[in-house]
Amino acid sequence: MKLPYVKLICALALCLTGTMAAIAQPYRQLNANDFTGAVPQGSGFYVAHTSCNVTMNYKARQQRGYYQLAFDIRLQFNPNRSWLNRQMITNPDMMAEVLRHEQGHYQIAYLMQQEMISELNLQRYTGDYQRQANNVFNRIDDKYRRMNTDYDNDTQHMQNRKQQEAWATYLSRELALIGNLAMNQ
């Protein structure tokens, strides 16, 4: 038995195991324990931050003059980059409001993932499939980046309770639509 090969195989297995543990999570309700990141210096009046990523990978297969792409679109909540400034959260009701607002950011990321899955799978791809897939991804990514900014601006980072309620209603309705579409397919 050659020891260098055993070490290489073990190292690859550890890398793959670590990668597998860090990949996509299904939609879920966030709680205070999910926010394990350190509050950054200079965060000012901000009480919390939610970090999510949506990533795209695919495999292409040529078929009768066009390409069929098999997508893997993942939503990742990043607990180590998500934080709550617990010193500014003075009671359980405020914690519930903060979590509700942060859940909105997570919902926006989830909606982005779902729209990407839907739109990318509807496309017909040619030999320029990389550019085509990236264009769809970037267009949807831009849309949801703007939505996240609008969400914080409209709600004034949860301070405008009327707008926060309007956004919560809107996001809940959008999630319900996705659920209904999934059940009908």
C-alpha atoms as a PDB file:
ATOM      1  CA  MET A   1       0.000   0.000   0.000  1.00  0.00           C
ATOM      2  CA  LYS A   2       1.425   3.367  -0.980  1.00  0.00           C
ATOM      3  CA  LEU A   3       0.917   5.918   1.771  1.00  0.00           C
ATOM      4  CA  PRO A   4       0.869   9.038  -0.485  1.00  0.00           C
ATOM      5  CA  TYR A   5      -2.153   7.677  -2.388  1.00  0.00           C
ATOM      6  CA  VAL A   6      -3.998   6.878   0.835  1.00  0.00           C
ATOM      7  CA  LYS A   7      -3.378  10.440   2.064  1.00  0.00           C
ATOM      8  CA  LEU A   8      -4.613  11.847  -1.249  1.00  0.00           C
ATOM      9  CA  ILE A   9      -7.778   9.758  -1.175  1.00  0.00           C
ATOM     10  CA  CYS A  10      -8.454  10.732   2.445  1.00  0.00           C
ATOM     11  CA  ALA A  11      -7.901  14.401   1.636  1.00  0.00           C
ATOM     12  CA  LEU A  12     -10.310  14.196  -1.308  1.00  0.00           C
ATOM     13  CA  ALA A  13     -12.901  12.413   0.832  1.00  0.00           C
ATOM     14  CA  LEU A  14     -12.624  15.121   3.497  1.00  0.00           C
ATOM     15  CA  CYS A  15     -13.003  17.861   0.886  1.00  0.00           C
ATOM     16  CA  LEU A  16     -16.055  16.206  -0.617  1.00  0.00           C
ATOM     17  CA  THR A  17     -17.615  15.596   2.787  1.00  0.00           C
ATOM     18  CA  GLY A  18     -17.046  19.226   3.741  1.00  0.00           C
ATOM     19  CA  THR A  19     -18.553  20.384   0.469  1.00  0.00           C
ATOM     20  CA  MET A  20     -21.585  18.140   0.835  1.00  0.00           C
ATOM     21  CA  ALA A  21     -22.339  19.553   4.289  1.00  0.00           C
ATOM     22  CA  ALA A  22     -22.272  23.125   2.988  1.00  0.00           C
ATOM     23  CA  ILE A  23     -24.590  22.805   0.015  1.00  0.00           C
ATOM     24  CA  ALA A  24     -28.215  23.652  -0.642  1.00  0.00           C
ATOM     25  CA  GLN A  25     -30.767  23.897   2.080  1.00  0.00           C
ATOM     26  CA  PRO A  26     -34.522  23.653   1.603  1.00  0.00           C
ATOM     27  CA  TYR A  27     -36.742  26.605   2.446  1.00  0.00           C
ATOM     28  CA  ARG A  28     -37.007  27.058   6.179  1.00  0.00           C
ATOM     29  CA  GLN A  29     -37.871  29.485   8.930  1.00  0.00           C
ATOM     30  CA  LEU A  30     -34.848  31.293  10.353  1.00  0.00           C
ATOM     31  CA  ASN A  31     -34.295  31.558  14.097  1.00  0.00           C
ATOM     32  CA  ALA A  32     -31.897  33.507  16.300  1.00  0.00           C
ATOM     33  CA  ASN A  33     -29.486  30.556  16.558  1.00  0.00           C
ATOM     34  CA  ASP A  34     -28.935  30.644  12.781  1.00  0.00           C
ATOM     35  CA  PHE A  35     -27.091  33.961  13.063  1.00  0.00           C
ATOM     36  CA  THR A  36     -23.613  32.991  14.241  1.00  0.00           C
ATOM     37  CA  GLY A  37     -21.527  35.681  12.541  1.00  0.00           C
ATOM     38  CA  ALA A  38     -19.761  38.431  14.447  1.00  0.00           C
ATOM     39  CA  VAL A  39     -21.304  41.909  14.396  1.00  0.00           C
ATOM     40  CA  PRO A  40     -18.886  43.948  12.251  1.00  0.00           C
ATOM     41  CA  GLN A  41     -17.232  47.090  13.505  1.00  0.00           C
ATOM     42  CA  GLY A  42     -19.062  50.143  12.233  1.00  0.00           C
ATOM     43  CA  SER A  43     -22.413  48.409  11.777  1.00  0.00           C
ATOM     44  CA  GLY A  44     -23.995  51.525  13.258  1.00  0.00           C
ATOM     45  CA  PHE A  45     -27.727  51.354  13.815  1.00  0.00           C
ATOM     46  CA  TYR A  46     -28.079  48.072  11.890  1.00  0.00           C
ATOM     47  CA  VAL A  47     -29.461  45.328  14.092  1.00  0.00           C
ATOM     48  CA  ALA A  48     -28.982  42.333  11.792  1.00  0.00           C
ATOM     49  CA  HIS A  49     -27.706  41.050   8.485  1.00  0.00           C
ATOM     50  CA  THR A  50     -28.743  37.964   6.497  1.00  0.00           C
ATOM     51  CA  SER A  51     -26.288  36.477   4.012  1.00  0.00           C
ATOM     52  CA  CYS A  52     -27.564  34.142   1.303  1.00  0.00           C
ATOM     53  CA  ASN A  53     -26.110  33.012  -2.013  1.00  0.00           C
ATOM     54  CA  VAL A  54     -27.746  31.473  -5.035  1.00  0.00           C
ATOM     55  CA  THR A  55     -25.358  29.583  -7.272  1.00  0.00           C
ATOM     56  CA  MET A  56     -25.701  27.906 -10.649  1.00  0.00           C
ATOM     57  CA  ASN A  57     -23.942  24.849 -12.006  1.00  0.00           C
ATOM     58  CA  TYR A  58     -24.925  22.771 -14.992  1.00  0.00           C
ATOM     59  CA  LYS A  59     -23.905  19.987 -17.293  1.00  0.00           C
ATOM     60  CA  ALA A  60     -24.493  20.324 -21.010  1.00  0.00           C
ATOM     61  CA  ARG A  61     -25.344  17.578 -23.458  1.00  0.00           C
ATOM     62  CA  GLN A  62     -25.638  18.115 -27.190  1.00  0.00           C
ATOM     63  CA  GLN A  63     -28.831  16.754 -28.674  1.00  0.00           C
ATOM     64  CA  ARG A  64     -30.060  17.241 -32.274  1.00  0.00           C
ATOM     65  CA  GLY A  65     -28.496  20.619 -32.960  1.00  0.00           C
ATOM     66  CA  TYR A  66     -29.142  22.177 -29.582  1.00  0.00           C
ATOM     67  CA  TYR A  67     -27.926  21.663 -26.023  1.00  0.00           C
ATOM     68  CA  GLN A  68     -29.795  20.254 -23.090  1.00  0.00           C
ATOM     69  CA  LEU A  69     -28.575  21.648 -19.775  1.00  0.00           C
ATOM     70  CA  ALA A  70     -29.094  19.912 -16.445  1.00  0.00           C
ATOM     71  CA  PHE A  71     -29.038  22.620 -13.773  1.00  0.00           C
ATOM     72  CA  ASP A  72     -28.143  22.593 -10.119  1.00  0.00           C
ATOM     73  CA  ILE A  73     -29.370  25.894  -8.630  1.00  0.00           C
ATOM     74  CA  ARG A  74     -28.571  26.142  -4.935  1.00  0.00           C
ATOM     75  CA  LEU A  75     -29.660  28.504  -2.188  1.00  0.00           C
ATOM     76  CA  GLN A  76     -27.218  28.740   0.680  1.00  0.00           C
ATOM     77  CA  PHE A  77     -27.917  30.569   3.923  1.00  0.00           C
ATOM     78  CA  ASN A  78     -24.526  31.598   5.379  1.00  0.00           C
ATOM     79  CA  PRO A  79     -24.757  31.505   9.183  1.00  0.00           C
ATOM     80  CA  ASN A  80     -21.165  32.684   9.707  1.00  0.00           C
ATOM     81  CA  ARG A  81     -21.789  35.819   7.631  1.00  0.00           C
ATOM     82  CA  SER A  82     -25.266  36.426   9.086  1.00  0.00           C
ATOM     83  CA  TRP A  83     -25.446  38.259  12.378  1.00  0.00           C
ATOM     84  CA  LEU A  84     -27.727  39.770  14.995  1.00  0.00           C
ATOM     85  CA  ASN A  85     -26.621  42.599  17.250  1.00  0.00           C
ATOM     86  CA  ARG A  86     -28.151  41.083  20.384  1.00  0.00           C
ATOM     87  CA  GLN A  87     -27.137  44.121  22.470  1.00  0.00           C
ATOM     88  CA  MET A  88     -29.573  46.243  20.457  1.00  0.00           C
ATOM     89  CA  ILE A  89     -32.421  43.723  20.712  1.00  0.00           C
ATOM     90  CA  THR A  90     -34.047  44.615  24.014  1.00  0.00           C
ATOM     91  CA  ASN A  91     -36.962  42.163  24.308  1.00  0.00           C
ATOM     92  CA  PRO A  92     -38.542  39.056  22.737  1.00  0.00           C
ATOM     93  CA  ASP A  93     -41.017  41.119  20.684  1.00  0.00           C
ATOM     94  CA  MET A  94     -38.186  43.069  19.080  1.00  0.00           C
ATOM     95  CA  MET A  95     -36.327  39.809  18.368  1.00  0.00           C
ATOM     96  CA  ALA A  96     -39.467  38.501  16.629  1.00  0.00           C
ATOM     97  CA  GLU A  97     -39.659  41.681  14.500  1.00  0.00           C
ATOM     98  CA  VAL A  98     -35.982  41.478  13.578  1.00  0.00           C
ATOM     99  CA  LEU A  99     -36.286  37.812  12.634  1.00  0.00           C
ATOM    100  CA  ARG A 100     -39.406  38.531  10.590  1.00  0.00           C
ATOM    101  CA  HIS A 101     -37.543  41.210   8.636  1.00  0.00           C
ATOM    102  CA  GLU A 102     -34.513  38.975   8.108  1.00  0.00           C
ATOM    103  CA  GLN A 103     -36.822  36.150   7.004  1.00  0.00           C
ATOM    104  CA  GLY A 104     -37.938  38.523   4.252  1.00  0.00           C
ATOM    105  CA  HIS A 105     -34.363  38.674   2.926  1.00  0.00           C
ATOM    106  CA  TYR A 106     -34.219  34.888   2.988  1.00  0.00           C
ATOM    107  CA  GLN A 107     -37.591  34.688   1.199  1.00  0.00           C
ATOM    108  CA  ILE A 108     -36.300  36.988  -1.531  1.00  0.00           C
ATOM    109  CA  ALA A 109     -33.287  34.702  -2.031  1.00  0.00           C
ATOM    110  CA  TYR A 110     -35.591  31.678  -2.142  1.00  0.00           C
ATOM    111  CA  LEU A 111     -37.826  33.349  -4.731  1.00  0.00           C
ATOM    112  CA  MET A 112     -34.717  34.127  -6.774  1.00  0.00           C
ATOM    113  CA  GLN A 113     -33.642  30.483  -6.673  1.00  0.00           C
ATOM    114  CA  GLN A 114     -37.085  29.292  -7.722  1.00  0.00           C
ATOM    115  CA  GLU A 115     -37.329  31.763 -10.611  1.00  0.00           C
ATOM    116  CA  MET A 116     -33.881  30.742 -11.826  1.00  0.00           C
ATOM    117  CA  ILE A 117     -34.825  27.074 -11.763  1.00  0.00           C
ATOM    118  CA  SER A 118     -37.983  27.789 -13.724  1.00  0.00           C
ATOM    119  CA  GLU A 119     -36.535  30.183 -16.312  1.00  0.00           C
ATOM    120  CA  LEU A 120     -33.294  28.327 -16.931  1.00  0.00           C
ATOM    121  CA  ASN A 121     -35.148  25.072 -17.522  1.00  0.00           C
ATOM    122  CA  LEU A 122     -37.522  26.710 -20.043  1.00  0.00           C
ATOM    123  CA  GLN A 123     -34.756  28.000 -22.300  1.00  0.00           C
ATOM    124  CA  ARG A 124     -33.652  26.324 -25.513  1.00  0.00           C
ATOM    125  CA  TYR A 125     -29.862  26.412 -25.682  1.00  0.00           C
ATOM    126  CA  THR A 126     -27.586  26.611 -28.722  1.00  0.00           C
ATOM    127  CA  GLY A 127     -23.809  26.281 -28.993  1.00  0.00           C
ATOM    128  CA  ASP A 128     -23.554  29.560 -27.076  1.00  0.00           C
ATOM    129  CA  TYR A 129     -25.273  27.983 -24.061  1.00  0.00           C
ATOM    130  CA  GLN A 130     -22.782  29.368 -21.534  1.00  0.00           C
ATOM    131  CA  ARG A 131     -23.564  32.956 -22.481  1.00  0.00           C
ATOM    132  CA  GLN A 132     -27.285  32.210 -22.685  1.00  0.00           C
ATOM    133  CA  ALA A 133     -27.424  30.610 -19.219  1.00  0.00           C
ATOM    134  CA  ASN A 134     -25.263  33.350 -17.687  1.00  0.00           C
ATOM    135  CA  ASN A 135     -27.480  36.062 -19.198  1.00  0.00           C
ATOM    136  CA  VAL A 136     -30.588  34.529 -17.608  1.00  0.00           C
ATOM    137  CA  PHE A 137     -28.779  34.101 -14.281  1.00  0.00           C
ATOM    138  CA  ASN A 138     -27.466  37.682 -14.293  1.00  0.00           C
ATOM    139  CA  ARG A 139     -30.837  39.172 -15.279  1.00  0.00           C
ATOM    140  CA  ILE A 140     -32.631  37.376 -12.444  1.00  0.00           C
ATOM    141  CA  ASP A 141     -29.806  38.108  -9.996  1.00  0.00           C
ATOM    142  CA  ASP A 142     -30.057  41.839 -10.819  1.00  0.00           C
ATOM    143  CA  LYS A 143     -33.837  41.749 -10.314  1.00  0.00           C
ATOM    144  CA  TYR A 144     -33.561  40.246  -6.846  1.00  0.00           C
ATOM    145  CA  ARG A 145     -30.647  42.467  -5.798  1.00  0.00           C
ATOM    146  CA  ARG A 146     -32.886  45.438  -6.593  1.00  0.00           C
ATOM    147  CA  MET A 147     -35.751  43.777  -4.724  1.00  0.00           C
ATOM    148  CA  ASN A 148     -33.555  43.355  -1.624  1.00  0.00           C
ATOM    149  CA  THR A 149     -32.572  47.018  -1.785  1.00  0.00           C
ATOM    150  CA  ASP A 150     -36.196  48.073  -2.295  1.00  0.00           C
ATOM    151  CA  TYR A 151     -37.229  45.873   0.639  1.00  0.00           C
ATOM    152  CA  ASP A 152     -34.799  47.603   3.002  1.00  0.00           C
ATOM    153  CA  ASN A 153     -35.543  51.072   1.615  1.00  0.00           C
ATOM    154  CA  ASP A 154     -39.331  50.665   1.719  1.00  0.00           C
ATOM    155  CA  THR A 155     -39.360  49.144   5.211  1.00  0.00           C
ATOM    156  CA  GLN A 156     -36.586  51.470   6.406  1.00  0.00           C
ATOM    157  CA  HIS A 157     -34.832  48.342   7.711  1.00  0.00           C
ATOM    158  CA  MET A 158     -38.060  47.215   9.443  1.00  0.00           C
ATOM    159  CA  GLN A 159     -38.708  50.599  11.085  1.00  0.00           C
ATOM    160  CA  ASN A 160     -41.707  51.348   8.838  1.00  0.00           C
ATOM    161  CA  ARG A 161     -44.130  48.778  10.204  1.00  0.00           C
ATOM    162  CA  LYS A 162     -46.827  49.467   7.611  1.00  0.00           C
ATOM    163  CA  GLN A 163     -44.406  48.806   4.744  1.00  0.00           C
ATOM    164  CA  GLN A 164     -42.950  45.807   6.597  1.00  0.00           C
ATOM    165  CA  GLU A 165     -46.442  44.315   6.794  1.00  0.00           C
ATOM    166  CA  ALA A 166     -47.067  45.045   3.098  1.00  0.00           C
ATOM    167  CA  TRP A 167     -43.821  43.298   2.132  1.00  0.00           C
ATOM    168  CA  ALA A 168     -44.565  40.341   4.420  1.00  0.00           C
ATOM    169  CA  THR A 169     -47.943  39.930   2.719  1.00  0.00           C
ATOM    170  CA  TYR A 170     -46.416  40.211  -0.748  1.00  0.00           C
ATOM    171  CA  LEU A 171     -43.622  37.724  -0.021  1.00  0.00           C
ATOM    172  CA  SER A 172     -46.021  35.239   1.574  1.00  0.00           C
ATOM    173  CA  ARG A 173     -48.281  35.462  -1.477  1.00  0.00           C
ATOM    174  CA  GLU A 174     -45.325  34.876  -3.822  1.00  0.00           C
ATOM    175  CA  LEU A 175     -44.208  31.844  -1.802  1.00  0.00           C
ATOM    176  CA  ALA A 176     -47.741  30.446  -1.901  1.00  0.00           C
ATOM    177  CA  LEU A 177     -47.814  30.859  -5.695  1.00  0.00           C
ATOM    178  CA  ILE A 178     -44.582  28.892  -6.008  1.00  0.00           C
ATOM    179  CA  GLY A 179     -46.024  26.178  -3.776  1.00  0.00           C
ATOM    180  CA  ASN A 180     -49.184  25.990  -5.877  1.00  0.00           C
ATOM    181  CA  LEU A 181     -47.201  25.823  -9.109  1.00  0.00           C
ATOM    182  CA  ALA A 182     -45.020  23.016  -7.735  1.00  0.00           C
ATOM    183  CA  MET A 183     -48.087  21.034  -6.675  1.00  0.00           C
ATOM    184  CA  ASN A 184     -49.648  21.368 -10.135  1.00  0.00           C
ATOM    185  CA  GLN A 185     -46.601  20.064 -12.004  1.00  0.00           C
END
